[in-house]
Amino acid sequence: MAAAKIKKGDSVVVLSGKDKGKTGTVAKVMPKDGKVVVEGVNVAARHRKPTQQNPQGGIDRFEAPMALSKVALADPKDGKPTRVRFEEKDGKKVRVAVKSGETIDG
């Protein structure tokens, strides 16, 4: 199994789609589906009929999952999108931003 390049809590930049250029924090990663949920990005709305649990009904807004390929990790230095590579530091495998060479975790 390959190591995850994007993890929960990472700051990411949206590369394409209606929210192109927006940044947000990863709320959930779904590696099997190749999808990611980013806070405040790709917000979808569902119109709900009144039910016994929700007598008011109304519009539910929620962050929909989006393809992993549509997001890139934000560089810790300047916040621009960057690719990720793995290096070994002190016997530990760490993620490194390709653009600036900054370590992403620890």
PDB file of N, CA and C in Angstrom:
ATOM      1  N   MET A   1       0.844  -1.194   0.000  1.00  0.00           N
ATOM      2  CA  MET A   1       0.000   0.000   0.000  1.00  0.00           C
ATOM      3  C   MET A   1       0.882   1.247   0.000  1.00  0.00           C
ATOM      4  N   ALA A   2       0.569   2.170  -0.858  1.00  0.00           N
ATOM      5  CA  ALA A   2       1.353   3.407  -0.961  1.00  0.00           C
ATOM      6  C   ALA A   2       1.007   4.353   0.187  1.00  0.00           C
ATOM      7  N   ALA A   3       1.989   5.129   0.595  1.00  0.00           N
ATOM      8  CA  ALA A   3       1.767   6.096   1.671  1.00  0.00           C
ATOM      9  C   ALA A   3       0.881   7.230   1.163  1.00  0.00           C
ATOM     10  N   ALA A   4       0.071   7.777   2.059  1.00  0.00           N
ATOM     11  CA  ALA A   4      -0.865   8.831   1.674  1.00  0.00           C
ATOM     12  C   ALA A   4      -0.141  10.169   1.529  1.00  0.00           C
ATOM     13  N   LYS A   5      -0.346  10.816   0.394  1.00  0.00           N
ATOM     14  CA  LYS A   5       0.272  12.119   0.166  1.00  0.00           C
ATOM     15  C   LYS A   5      -0.566  13.233   0.773  1.00  0.00           C
ATOM     16  N   ILE A   6      -1.877  13.023   0.855  1.00  0.00           N
ATOM     17  CA  ILE A   6      -2.772  13.996   1.484  1.00  0.00           C
ATOM     18  C   ILE A   6      -3.473  13.313   2.646  1.00  0.00           C
ATOM     19  N   LYS A   7      -3.421  13.962   3.805  1.00  0.00           N
ATOM     20  CA  LYS A   7      -3.997  13.385   5.019  1.00  0.00           C
ATOM     21  C   LYS A   7      -5.001  14.349   5.630  1.00  0.00           C
ATOM     22  N   LYS A   8      -5.808  13.838   6.573  1.00  0.00           N
ATOM     23  CA  LYS A   8      -6.777  14.651   7.292  1.00  0.00           C
ATOM     24  C   LYS A   8      -6.049  15.763   8.050  1.00  0.00           C
ATOM     25  N   GLY A   9      -6.563  16.993   7.958  1.00  0.00           N
ATOM     26  CA  GLY A   9      -5.951  18.125   8.645  1.00  0.00           C
ATOM     27  C   GLY A   9      -4.988  18.922   7.785  1.00  0.00           C
ATOM     28  N   ASP A  10      -4.626  18.387   6.604  1.00  0.00           N
ATOM     29  CA  ASP A  10      -3.728  19.096   5.683  1.00  0.00           C
ATOM     30  C   ASP A  10      -4.427  20.302   5.070  1.00  0.00           C
ATOM     31  N   SER A  11      -3.644  21.317   4.752  1.00  0.00           N
ATOM     32  CA  SER A  11      -4.144  22.481   4.030  1.00  0.00           C
ATOM     33  C   SER A  11      -3.939  22.224   2.536  1.00  0.00           C
ATOM     34  N   VAL A  12      -5.039  22.302   1.759  1.00  0.00           N
ATOM     35  CA  VAL A  12      -4.959  22.006   0.338  1.00  0.00           C
ATOM     36  C   VAL A  12      -5.501  23.146  -0.516  1.00  0.00           C
ATOM     37  N   VAL A  13      -5.099  23.168  -1.796  1.00  0.00           N
ATOM     38  CA  VAL A  13      -5.571  24.149  -2.771  1.00  0.00           C
ATOM     39  C   VAL A  13      -6.338  23.390  -3.847  1.00  0.00           C
ATOM     40  N   VAL A  14      -7.520  23.915  -4.232  1.00  0.00           N
ATOM     41  CA  VAL A  14      -8.323  23.281  -5.277  1.00  0.00           C
ATOM     42  C   VAL A  14      -7.770  23.699  -6.638  1.00  0.00           C
ATOM     43  N   LEU A  15      -7.496  22.708  -7.501  1.00  0.00           N
ATOM     44  CA  LEU A  15      -6.850  22.963  -8.788  1.00  0.00           C
ATOM     45  C   LEU A  15      -7.834  23.178  -9.933  1.00  0.00           C
ATOM     46  N   SER A  16      -9.045  22.609  -9.835  1.00  0.00           N
ATOM     47  CA  SER A  16      -9.997  22.744 -10.940  1.00  0.00           C
ATOM     48  C   SER A  16     -11.428  22.692 -10.426  1.00  0.00           C
ATOM     49  N   GLY A  17     -12.356  23.100 -11.288  1.00  0.00           N
ATOM     50  CA  GLY A  17     -13.769  23.065 -10.933  1.00  0.00           C
ATOM     51  C   GLY A  17     -14.274  24.423 -10.488  1.00  0.00           C
ATOM     52  N   LYS A  18     -15.491  24.447  -9.951  1.00  0.00           N
ATOM     53  CA  LYS A  18     -16.131  25.717  -9.581  1.00  0.00           C
ATOM     54  C   LYS A  18     -15.418  26.429  -8.429  1.00  0.00           C
ATOM     55  N   ASP A  19     -14.688  25.678  -7.619  1.00  0.00           N
ATOM     56  CA  ASP A  19     -13.990  26.264  -6.467  1.00  0.00           C
ATOM     57  C   ASP A  19     -12.493  26.415  -6.709  1.00  0.00           C
ATOM     58  N   LYS A  20     -12.071  26.472  -7.971  1.00  0.00           N
ATOM     59  CA  LYS A  20     -10.652  26.567  -8.320  1.00  0.00           C
ATOM     60  C   LYS A  20      -9.989  27.739  -7.603  1.00  0.00           C
ATOM     61  N   GLY A  21      -8.810  27.467  -6.991  1.00  0.00           N
ATOM     62  CA  GLY A  21      -8.062  28.511  -6.292  1.00  0.00           C
ATOM     63  C   GLY A  21      -8.374  28.611  -4.814  1.00  0.00           C
ATOM     64  N   LYS A  22      -9.490  28.029  -4.367  1.00  0.00           N
ATOM     65  CA  LYS A  22      -9.850  28.089  -2.947  1.00  0.00           C
ATOM     66  C   LYS A  22      -8.934  27.178  -2.136  1.00  0.00           C
ATOM     67  N   THR A  23      -8.704  27.559  -0.890  1.00  0.00           N
ATOM     68  CA  THR A  23      -7.929  26.709   0.010  1.00  0.00           C
ATOM     69  C   THR A  23      -8.821  26.268   1.163  1.00  0.00           C
ATOM     70  N   GLY A  24      -8.495  25.131   1.736  1.00  0.00           N
ATOM     71  CA  GLY A  24      -9.266  24.616   2.855  1.00  0.00           C
ATOM     72  C   GLY A  24      -8.526  23.496   3.544  1.00  0.00           C
ATOM     73  N   THR A  25      -9.106  23.050   4.651  1.00  0.00           N
ATOM     74  CA  THR A  25      -8.517  21.969   5.433  1.00  0.00           C
ATOM     75  C   THR A  25      -9.232  20.667   5.103  1.00  0.00           C
ATOM     76  N   VAL A  26      -8.484  19.599   4.977  1.00  0.00           N
ATOM     77  CA  VAL A  26      -9.064  18.293   4.664  1.00  0.00           C
ATOM     78  C   VAL A  26      -9.811  17.773   5.890  1.00  0.00           C
ATOM     79  N   ALA A  27     -11.113  17.468   5.704  1.00  0.00           N
ATOM     80  CA  ALA A  27     -11.935  16.954   6.792  1.00  0.00           C
ATOM     81  C   ALA A  27     -11.948  15.426   6.794  1.00  0.00           C
ATOM     82  N   LYS A  28     -11.876  14.841   5.585  1.00  0.00           N
ATOM     83  CA  LYS A  28     -11.965  13.384   5.472  1.00  0.00           C
ATOM     84  C   LYS A  28     -11.289  12.946   4.186  1.00  0.00           C
ATOM     85  N   VAL A  29     -10.585  11.814   4.243  1.00  0.00           N
ATOM     86  CA  VAL A  29      -9.957  11.235   3.051  1.00  0.00           C
ATOM     87  C   VAL A  29     -10.548   9.849   2.835  1.00  0.00           C
ATOM     88  N   MET A  30     -10.951   9.572   1.588  1.00  0.00           N
ATOM     89  CA  MET A  30     -11.509   8.263   1.238  1.00  0.00           C
ATOM     90  C   MET A  30     -10.603   7.622   0.183  1.00  0.00           C
ATOM     91  N   PRO A  31      -9.519   6.960   0.615  1.00  0.00           N
ATOM     92  CA  PRO A  31      -8.535   6.427  -0.328  1.00  0.00           C
ATOM     93  C   PRO A  31      -9.093   5.376  -1.290  1.00  0.00           C
ATOM     94  N   LYS A  32     -10.044   4.558  -0.842  1.00  0.00           N
ATOM     95  CA  LYS A  32     -10.610   3.517  -1.709  1.00  0.00           C
ATOM     96  C   LYS A  32     -11.379   4.138  -2.866  1.00  0.00           C
ATOM     97  N   ASP A  33     -12.059   5.252  -2.621  1.00  0.00           N
ATOM     98  CA  ASP A  33     -12.838   5.937  -3.659  1.00  0.00           C
ATOM     99  C   ASP A  33     -12.005   6.980  -4.394  1.00  0.00           C
ATOM    100  N   GLY A  34     -10.807   7.300  -3.867  1.00  0.00           N
ATOM    101  CA  GLY A  34      -9.974   8.328  -4.469  1.00  0.00           C
ATOM    102  C   GLY A  34     -10.581   9.711  -4.302  1.00  0.00           C
ATOM    103  N   LYS A  35     -11.250   9.911  -3.163  1.00  0.00           N
ATOM    104  CA  LYS A  35     -11.931  11.186  -2.926  1.00  0.00           C
ATOM    105  C   LYS A  35     -11.485  11.816  -1.616  1.00  0.00           C
ATOM    106  N   VAL A  36     -11.776  13.110  -1.503  1.00  0.00           N
ATOM    107  CA  VAL A  36     -11.405  13.881  -0.320  1.00  0.00           C
ATOM    108  C   VAL A  36     -12.515  14.899  -0.040  1.00  0.00           C
ATOM    109  N   VAL A  37     -12.766  15.167   1.250  1.00  0.00           N
ATOM    110  CA  VAL A  37     -13.745  16.186   1.641  1.00  0.00           C
ATOM    111  C   VAL A  37     -12.964  17.351   2.240  1.00  0.00           C
ATOM    112  N   VAL A  38     -13.170  18.556   1.676  1.00  0.00           N
ATOM    113  CA  VAL A  38     -12.461  19.750   2.123  1.00  0.00           C
ATOM    114  C   VAL A  38     -13.470  20.723   2.725  1.00  0.00           C
ATOM    115  N   GLU A  39     -13.142  21.251   3.907  1.00  0.00           N
ATOM    116  CA  GLU A  39     -14.048  22.173   4.611  1.00  0.00           C
ATOM    117  C   GLU A  39     -14.287  23.445   3.807  1.00  0.00           C
ATOM    118  N   GLY A  40     -15.565  23.785   3.607  1.00  0.00           N
ATOM    119  CA  GLY A  40     -15.934  25.019   2.931  1.00  0.00           C
ATOM    120  C   GLY A  40     -15.772  24.995   1.423  1.00  0.00           C
ATOM    121  N   VAL A  41     -15.449  23.846   0.847  1.00  0.00           N
ATOM    122  CA  VAL A  41     -15.233  23.729  -0.602  1.00  0.00           C
ATOM    123  C   VAL A  41     -16.174  22.667  -1.163  1.00  0.00           C
ATOM    124  N   ASN A  42     -16.643  22.859  -2.391  1.00  0.00           N
ATOM    125  CA  ASN A  42     -17.562  21.939  -3.073  1.00  0.00           C
ATOM    126  C   ASN A  42     -18.833  21.740  -2.250  1.00  0.00           C
ATOM    127  N   VAL A  43     -19.432  22.855  -1.819  1.00  0.00           N
ATOM    128  CA  VAL A  43     -20.635  22.812  -0.985  1.00  0.00           C
ATOM    129  C   VAL A  43     -21.841  22.503  -1.866  1.00  0.00           C
ATOM    130  N   ALA A  44     -22.566  21.446  -1.508  1.00  0.00           N
ATOM    131  CA  ALA A  44     -23.760  21.031  -2.240  1.00  0.00           C
ATOM    132  C   ALA A  44     -24.982  21.326  -1.378  1.00  0.00           C
ATOM    133  N   ALA A  45     -26.136  21.487  -2.016  1.00  0.00           N
ATOM    134  CA  ALA A  45     -27.380  21.761  -1.295  1.00  0.00           C
ATOM    135  C   ALA A  45     -28.399  20.687  -1.627  1.00  0.00           C
ATOM    136  N   ARG A  46     -29.118  20.234  -0.623  1.00  0.00           N
ATOM    137  CA  ARG A  46     -30.196  19.278  -0.811  1.00  0.00           C
ATOM    138  C   ARG A  46     -31.474  19.885  -0.235  1.00  0.00           C
ATOM    139  N   HIS A  47     -32.514  19.917  -1.032  1.00  0.00           N
ATOM    140  CA  HIS A  47     -33.809  20.394  -0.552  1.00  0.00           C
ATOM    141  C   HIS A  47     -34.508  19.234   0.140  1.00  0.00           C
ATOM    142  N   ARG A  48     -34.859  19.400   1.405  1.00  0.00           N
ATOM    143  CA  ARG A  48     -35.451  18.328   2.197  1.00  0.00           C
ATOM    144  C   ARG A  48     -36.923  18.620   2.469  1.00  0.00           C
ATOM    145  N   LYS A  49     -37.747  17.580   2.297  1.00  0.00           N
ATOM    146  CA  LYS A  49     -39.166  17.699   2.632  1.00  0.00           C
ATOM    147  C   LYS A  49     -39.303  17.645   4.146  1.00  0.00           C
ATOM    148  N   PRO A  50     -40.328  18.277   4.702  1.00  0.00           N
ATOM    149  CA  PRO A  50     -40.556  18.136   6.146  1.00  0.00           C
ATOM    150  C   PRO A  50     -40.840  16.680   6.509  1.00  0.00           C
ATOM    151  N   THR A  51     -40.192  16.209   7.579  1.00  0.00           N
ATOM    152  CA  THR A  51     -40.417  14.854   8.088  1.00  0.00           C
ATOM    153  C   THR A  51     -40.688  14.956   9.586  1.00  0.00           C
ATOM    154  N   GLN A  52     -40.922  13.822  10.220  1.00  0.00           N
ATOM    155  CA  GLN A  52     -41.155  13.852  11.664  1.00  0.00           C
ATOM    156  C   GLN A  52     -39.880  14.251  12.412  1.00  0.00           C
ATOM    157  N   GLN A  53     -38.717  13.815  11.907  1.00  0.00           N
ATOM    158  CA  GLN A  53     -37.453  14.173  12.554  1.00  0.00           C
ATOM    159  C   GLN A  53     -37.124  15.648  12.305  1.00  0.00           C
ATOM    160  N   ASN A  54     -37.482  16.140  11.127  1.00  0.00           N
ATOM    161  CA  ASN A  54     -37.197  17.526  10.746  1.00  0.00           C
ATOM    162  C   ASN A  54     -38.493  18.150  10.211  1.00  0.00           C
ATOM    163  N   PRO A  55     -39.379  18.603  11.134  1.00  0.00           N
ATOM    164  CA  PRO A  55     -40.690  19.112  10.712  1.00  0.00           C
ATOM    165  C   PRO A  55     -40.596  20.391   9.866  1.00  0.00           C
ATOM    166  N   GLN A  56     -39.502  21.106   9.988  1.00  0.00           N
ATOM    167  CA  GLN A  56     -39.327  22.358   9.255  1.00  0.00           C
ATOM    168  C   GLN A  56     -38.974  22.110   7.787  1.00  0.00           C
ATOM    169  N   GLY A  57     -38.196  21.039   7.522  1.00  0.00           N
ATOM    170  CA  GLY A  57     -37.720  20.806   6.158  1.00  0.00           C
ATOM    171  C   GLY A  57     -36.625  21.802   5.833  1.00  0.00           C
ATOM    172  N   GLY A  58     -36.521  22.227   4.579  1.00  0.00           N
ATOM    173  CA  GLY A  58     -35.569  23.275   4.226  1.00  0.00           C
ATOM    174  C   GLY A  58     -34.417  22.769   3.385  1.00  0.00           C
ATOM    175  N   ILE A  59     -33.352  23.572   3.322  1.00  0.00           N
ATOM    176  CA  ILE A  59     -32.203  23.266   2.480  1.00  0.00           C
ATOM    177  C   ILE A  59     -31.017  22.854   3.350  1.00  0.00           C
ATOM    178  N   ASP A  60     -30.487  21.660   3.097  1.00  0.00           N
ATOM    179  CA  ASP A  60     -29.289  21.169   3.799  1.00  0.00           C
ATOM    180  C   ASP A  60     -28.073  21.495   2.949  1.00  0.00           C
ATOM    181  N   ARG A  61     -27.091  22.166   3.504  1.00  0.00           N
ATOM    182  CA  ARG A  61     -25.839  22.439   2.788  1.00  0.00           C
ATOM    183  C   ARG A  61     -24.740  21.598   3.429  1.00  0.00           C
ATOM    184  N   PHE A  62     -23.939  20.945   2.578  1.00  0.00           N
ATOM    185  CA  PHE A  62     -22.875  20.079   3.085  1.00  0.00           C
ATOM    186  C   PHE A  62     -21.731  20.033   2.082  1.00  0.00           C
ATOM    187  N   GLU A  63     -20.527  19.691   2.573  1.00  0.00           N
ATOM    188  CA  GLU A  63     -19.354  19.554   1.710  1.00  0.00           C
ATOM    189  C   GLU A  63     -19.399  18.184   1.042  1.00  0.00           C
ATOM    190  N   ALA A  64     -19.466  18.175  -0.274  1.00  0.00           N
ATOM    191  CA  ALA A  64     -19.490  16.920  -1.022  1.00  0.00           C
ATOM    192  C   ALA A  64     -18.060  16.458  -1.278  1.00  0.00           C
ATOM    193  N   PRO A  65     -17.848  15.134  -1.368  1.00  0.00           N
ATOM    194  CA  PRO A  65     -16.513  14.632  -1.685  1.00  0.00           C
ATOM    195  C   PRO A  65     -16.087  15.060  -3.089  1.00  0.00           C
ATOM    196  N   MET A  66     -14.781  15.295  -3.265  1.00  0.00           N
ATOM    197  CA  MET A  66     -14.259  15.617  -4.590  1.00  0.00           C
ATOM    198  C   MET A  66     -13.047  14.748  -4.882  1.00  0.00           C
ATOM    199  N   ALA A  67     -12.694  14.637  -6.157  1.00  0.00           N
ATOM    200  CA  ALA A  67     -11.596  13.778  -6.571  1.00  0.00           C
ATOM    201  C   ALA A  67     -10.276  14.256  -5.974  1.00  0.00           C
ATOM    202  N   LEU A  68      -9.452  13.313  -5.544  1.00  0.00           N
ATOM    203  CA  LEU A  68      -8.131  13.626  -4.980  1.00  0.00           C
ATOM    204  C   LEU A  68      -7.258  14.373  -5.982  1.00  0.00           C
ATOM    205  N   SER A  69      -7.454  14.074  -7.271  1.00  0.00           N
ATOM    206  CA  SER A  69      -6.638  14.697  -8.306  1.00  0.00           C
ATOM    207  C   SER A  69      -6.949  16.184  -8.478  1.00  0.00           C
ATOM    208  N   LYS A  70      -8.077  16.639  -7.931  1.00  0.00           N
ATOM    209  CA  LYS A  70      -8.466  18.050  -8.060  1.00  0.00           C
ATOM    210  C   LYS A  70      -7.846  18.934  -6.981  1.00  0.00           C
ATOM    211  N   VAL A  71      -7.177  18.321  -6.004  1.00  0.00           N
ATOM    212  CA  VAL A  71      -6.557  19.106  -4.934  1.00  0.00           C
ATOM    213  C   VAL A  71      -5.061  18.836  -4.870  1.00  0.00           C
ATOM    214  N   ALA A  72      -4.322  19.842  -4.422  1.00  0.00           N
ATOM    215  CA  ALA A  72      -2.881  19.693  -4.208  1.00  0.00           C
ATOM    216  C   ALA A  72      -2.555  20.284  -2.854  1.00  0.00           C
ATOM    217  N   LEU A  73      -1.561  19.732  -2.207  1.00  0.00           N
ATOM    218  CA  LEU A  73      -1.140  20.226  -0.907  1.00  0.00           C
ATOM    219  C   LEU A  73      -0.650  21.662  -1.017  1.00  0.00           C
ATOM    220  N   ALA A  74      -1.003  22.510  -0.055  1.00  0.00           N
ATOM    221  CA  ALA A  74      -0.528  23.893  -0.049  1.00  0.00           C
ATOM    222  C   ALA A  74       0.884  23.916   0.531  1.00  0.00           C
ATOM    223  N   ASP A  75       1.801  24.616  -0.161  1.00  0.00           N
ATOM    224  CA  ASP A  75       3.188  24.724   0.294  1.00  0.00           C
ATOM    225  C   ASP A  75       3.212  25.452   1.642  1.00  0.00           C
ATOM    226  N   PRO A  76       3.907  24.904   2.656  1.00  0.00           N
ATOM    227  CA  PRO A  76       3.954  25.561   3.976  1.00  0.00           C
ATOM    228  C   PRO A  76       4.583  26.953   3.912  1.00  0.00           C
ATOM    229  N   LYS A  77       5.427  27.210   2.904  1.00  0.00           N
ATOM    230  CA  LYS A  77       6.122  28.490   2.805  1.00  0.00           C
ATOM    231  C   LYS A  77       5.246  29.594   2.225  1.00  0.00           C
ATOM    232  N   ASP A  78       4.646  29.334   1.037  1.00  0.00           N
ATOM    233  CA  ASP A  78       3.886  30.407   0.375  1.00  0.00           C
ATOM    234  C   ASP A  78       2.413  30.091   0.128  1.00  0.00           C
ATOM    235  N   GLY A  79       1.939  28.894   0.484  1.00  0.00           N
ATOM    236  CA  GLY A  79       0.525  28.571   0.337  1.00  0.00           C
ATOM    237  C   GLY A  79       0.101  28.196  -1.069  1.00  0.00           C
ATOM    238  N   LYS A  80       1.045  28.139  -1.999  1.00  0.00           N
ATOM    239  CA  LYS A  80       0.719  27.751  -3.374  1.00  0.00           C
ATOM    240  C   LYS A  80       0.724  26.236  -3.492  1.00  0.00           C
ATOM    241  N   PRO A  81       0.031  25.684  -4.516  1.00  0.00           N
ATOM    242  CA  PRO A  81      -0.003  24.225  -4.648  1.00  0.00           C
ATOM    243  C   PRO A  81       1.374  23.626  -4.934  1.00  0.00           C
ATOM    244  N   THR A  82       1.628  22.471  -4.347  1.00  0.00           N
ATOM    245  CA  THR A  82       2.901  21.789  -4.565  1.00  0.00           C
ATOM    246  C   THR A  82       2.688  20.284  -4.600  1.00  0.00           C
ATOM    247  N   ARG A  83       3.616  19.585  -5.242  1.00  0.00           N
ATOM    248  CA  ARG A  83       3.597  18.129  -5.199  1.00  0.00           C
ATOM    249  C   ARG A  83       4.315  17.684  -3.926  1.00  0.00           C
ATOM    250  N   VAL A  84       4.221  16.381  -3.648  1.00  0.00           N
ATOM    251  CA  VAL A  84       4.792  15.843  -2.417  1.00  0.00           C
ATOM    252  C   VAL A  84       5.758  14.715  -2.748  1.00  0.00           C
ATOM    253  N   ARG A  85       6.883  14.696  -2.053  1.00  0.00           N
ATOM    254  CA  ARG A  85       7.788  13.551  -2.162  1.00  0.00           C
ATOM    255  C   ARG A  85       8.091  13.077  -0.742  1.00  0.00           C
ATOM    256  N   PHE A  86       8.631  11.884  -0.660  1.00  0.00           N
ATOM    257  CA  PHE A  86       8.952  11.308   0.641  1.00  0.00           C
ATOM    258  C   PHE A  86      10.457  11.232   0.819  1.00  0.00           C
ATOM    259  N   GLU A  87      10.926  11.618   2.009  1.00  0.00           N
ATOM    260  CA  GLU A  87      12.336  11.510   2.362  1.00  0.00           C
ATOM    261  C   GLU A  87      12.440  10.839   3.720  1.00  0.00           C
ATOM    262  N   GLU A  88      13.635  10.323   3.999  1.00  0.00           N
ATOM    263  CA  GLU A  88      13.861   9.699   5.295  1.00  0.00           C
ATOM    264  C   GLU A  88      14.727  10.620   6.137  1.00  0.00           C
ATOM    265  N   LYS A  89      14.176  11.055   7.271  1.00  0.00           N
ATOM    266  CA  LYS A  89      14.933  11.903   8.189  1.00  0.00           C
ATOM    267  C   LYS A  89      14.928  11.255   9.565  1.00  0.00           C
ATOM    268  N   ASP A  90      16.098  11.048  10.117  1.00  0.00           N
ATOM    269  CA  ASP A  90      16.253  10.393  11.416  1.00  0.00           C
ATOM    270  C   ASP A  90      15.529   9.043  11.454  1.00  0.00           C
ATOM    271  N   GLY A  91      15.590   8.295  10.359  1.00  0.00           N
ATOM    272  CA  GLY A  91      14.963   6.981  10.302  1.00  0.00           C
ATOM    273  C   GLY A  91      13.457   7.022  10.160  1.00  0.00           C
ATOM    274  N   LYS A  92      12.890   8.223   9.956  1.00  0.00           N
ATOM    275  CA  LYS A  92      11.436   8.355   9.807  1.00  0.00           C
ATOM    276  C   LYS A  92      11.115   8.832   8.406  1.00  0.00           C
ATOM    277  N   LYS A  93      10.059   8.297   7.834  1.00  0.00           N
ATOM    278  CA  LYS A  93       9.619   8.709   6.499  1.00  0.00           C
ATOM    279  C   LYS A  93       8.756   9.967   6.653  1.00  0.00           C
ATOM    280  N   VAL A  94       9.181  11.058   6.046  1.00  0.00           N
ATOM    281  CA  VAL A  94       8.435  12.318   6.166  1.00  0.00           C
ATOM    282  C   VAL A  94       8.052  12.843   4.784  1.00  0.00           C
ATOM    283  N   ARG A  95       6.963  13.621   4.761  1.00  0.00           N
ATOM    284  CA  ARG A  95       6.521  14.244   3.506  1.00  0.00           C
ATOM    285  C   ARG A  95       7.238  15.579   3.330  1.00  0.00           C
ATOM    286  N   VAL A  96       7.679  15.847   2.106  1.00  0.00           N
ATOM    287  CA  VAL A  96       8.423  17.068   1.803  1.00  0.00           C
ATOM    288  C   VAL A  96       7.768  17.749   0.602  1.00  0.00           C
ATOM    289  N   ALA A  97       7.576  19.074   0.687  1.00  0.00           N
ATOM    290  CA  ALA A  97       7.021  19.838  -0.423  1.00  0.00           C
ATOM    291  C   ALA A  97       8.077  19.945  -1.512  1.00  0.00           C
ATOM    292  N   VAL A  98       7.732  19.564  -2.754  1.00  0.00           N
ATOM    293  CA  VAL A  98       8.686  19.581  -3.855  1.00  0.00           C
ATOM    294  C   VAL A  98       9.111  21.014  -4.176  1.00  0.00           C
ATOM    295  N   LYS A  99       8.170  21.967  -4.121  1.00  0.00           N
ATOM    296  CA  LYS A  99       8.436  23.348  -4.520  1.00  0.00           C
ATOM    297  C   LYS A  99       9.485  24.030  -3.632  1.00  0.00           C
ATOM    298  N   SER A 100       9.299  23.927  -2.303  1.00  0.00           N
ATOM    299  CA  SER A 100      10.180  24.669  -1.390  1.00  0.00           C
ATOM    300  C   SER A 100      11.170  23.790  -0.644  1.00  0.00           C
ATOM    301  N   GLY A 101      10.924  22.484  -0.600  1.00  0.00           N
ATOM    302  CA  GLY A 101      11.785  21.578   0.163  1.00  0.00           C
ATOM    303  C   GLY A 101      11.454  21.543   1.645  1.00  0.00           C
ATOM    304  N   GLU A 102      10.356  22.199   2.033  1.00  0.00           N
ATOM    305  CA  GLU A 102       9.944  22.238   3.452  1.00  0.00           C
ATOM    306  C   GLU A 102       9.327  20.892   3.854  1.00  0.00           C
ATOM    307  N   THR A 103       9.561  20.501   5.103  1.00  0.00           N
ATOM    308  CA  THR A 103       8.940  19.277   5.616  1.00  0.00           C
ATOM    309  C   THR A 103       7.502  19.595   6.004  1.00  0.00           C
ATOM    310  N   ILE A 104       6.597  18.688   5.679  1.00  0.00           N
ATOM    311  CA  ILE A 104       5.191  18.929   5.949  1.00  0.00           C
ATOM    312  C   ILE A 104       4.791  18.409   7.329  1.00  0.00           C
ATOM    313  N   ASP A 105       5.269  17.196   7.665  1.00  0.00           N
ATOM    314  CA  ASP A 105       4.936  16.678   9.012  1.00  0.00           C
ATOM    315  C   ASP A 105       6.212  16.309   9.759  1.00  0.00           C
ATOM    316  N   GLY A 106       6.317  16.917  10.944  1.00  0.00           N
ATOM    317  CA  GLY A 106       7.405  16.618  11.864  1.00  0.00           C
ATOM    318  C   GLY A 106       8.754  16.792  11.320  1.00  0.00           C
TER     319      GLY A 106
END
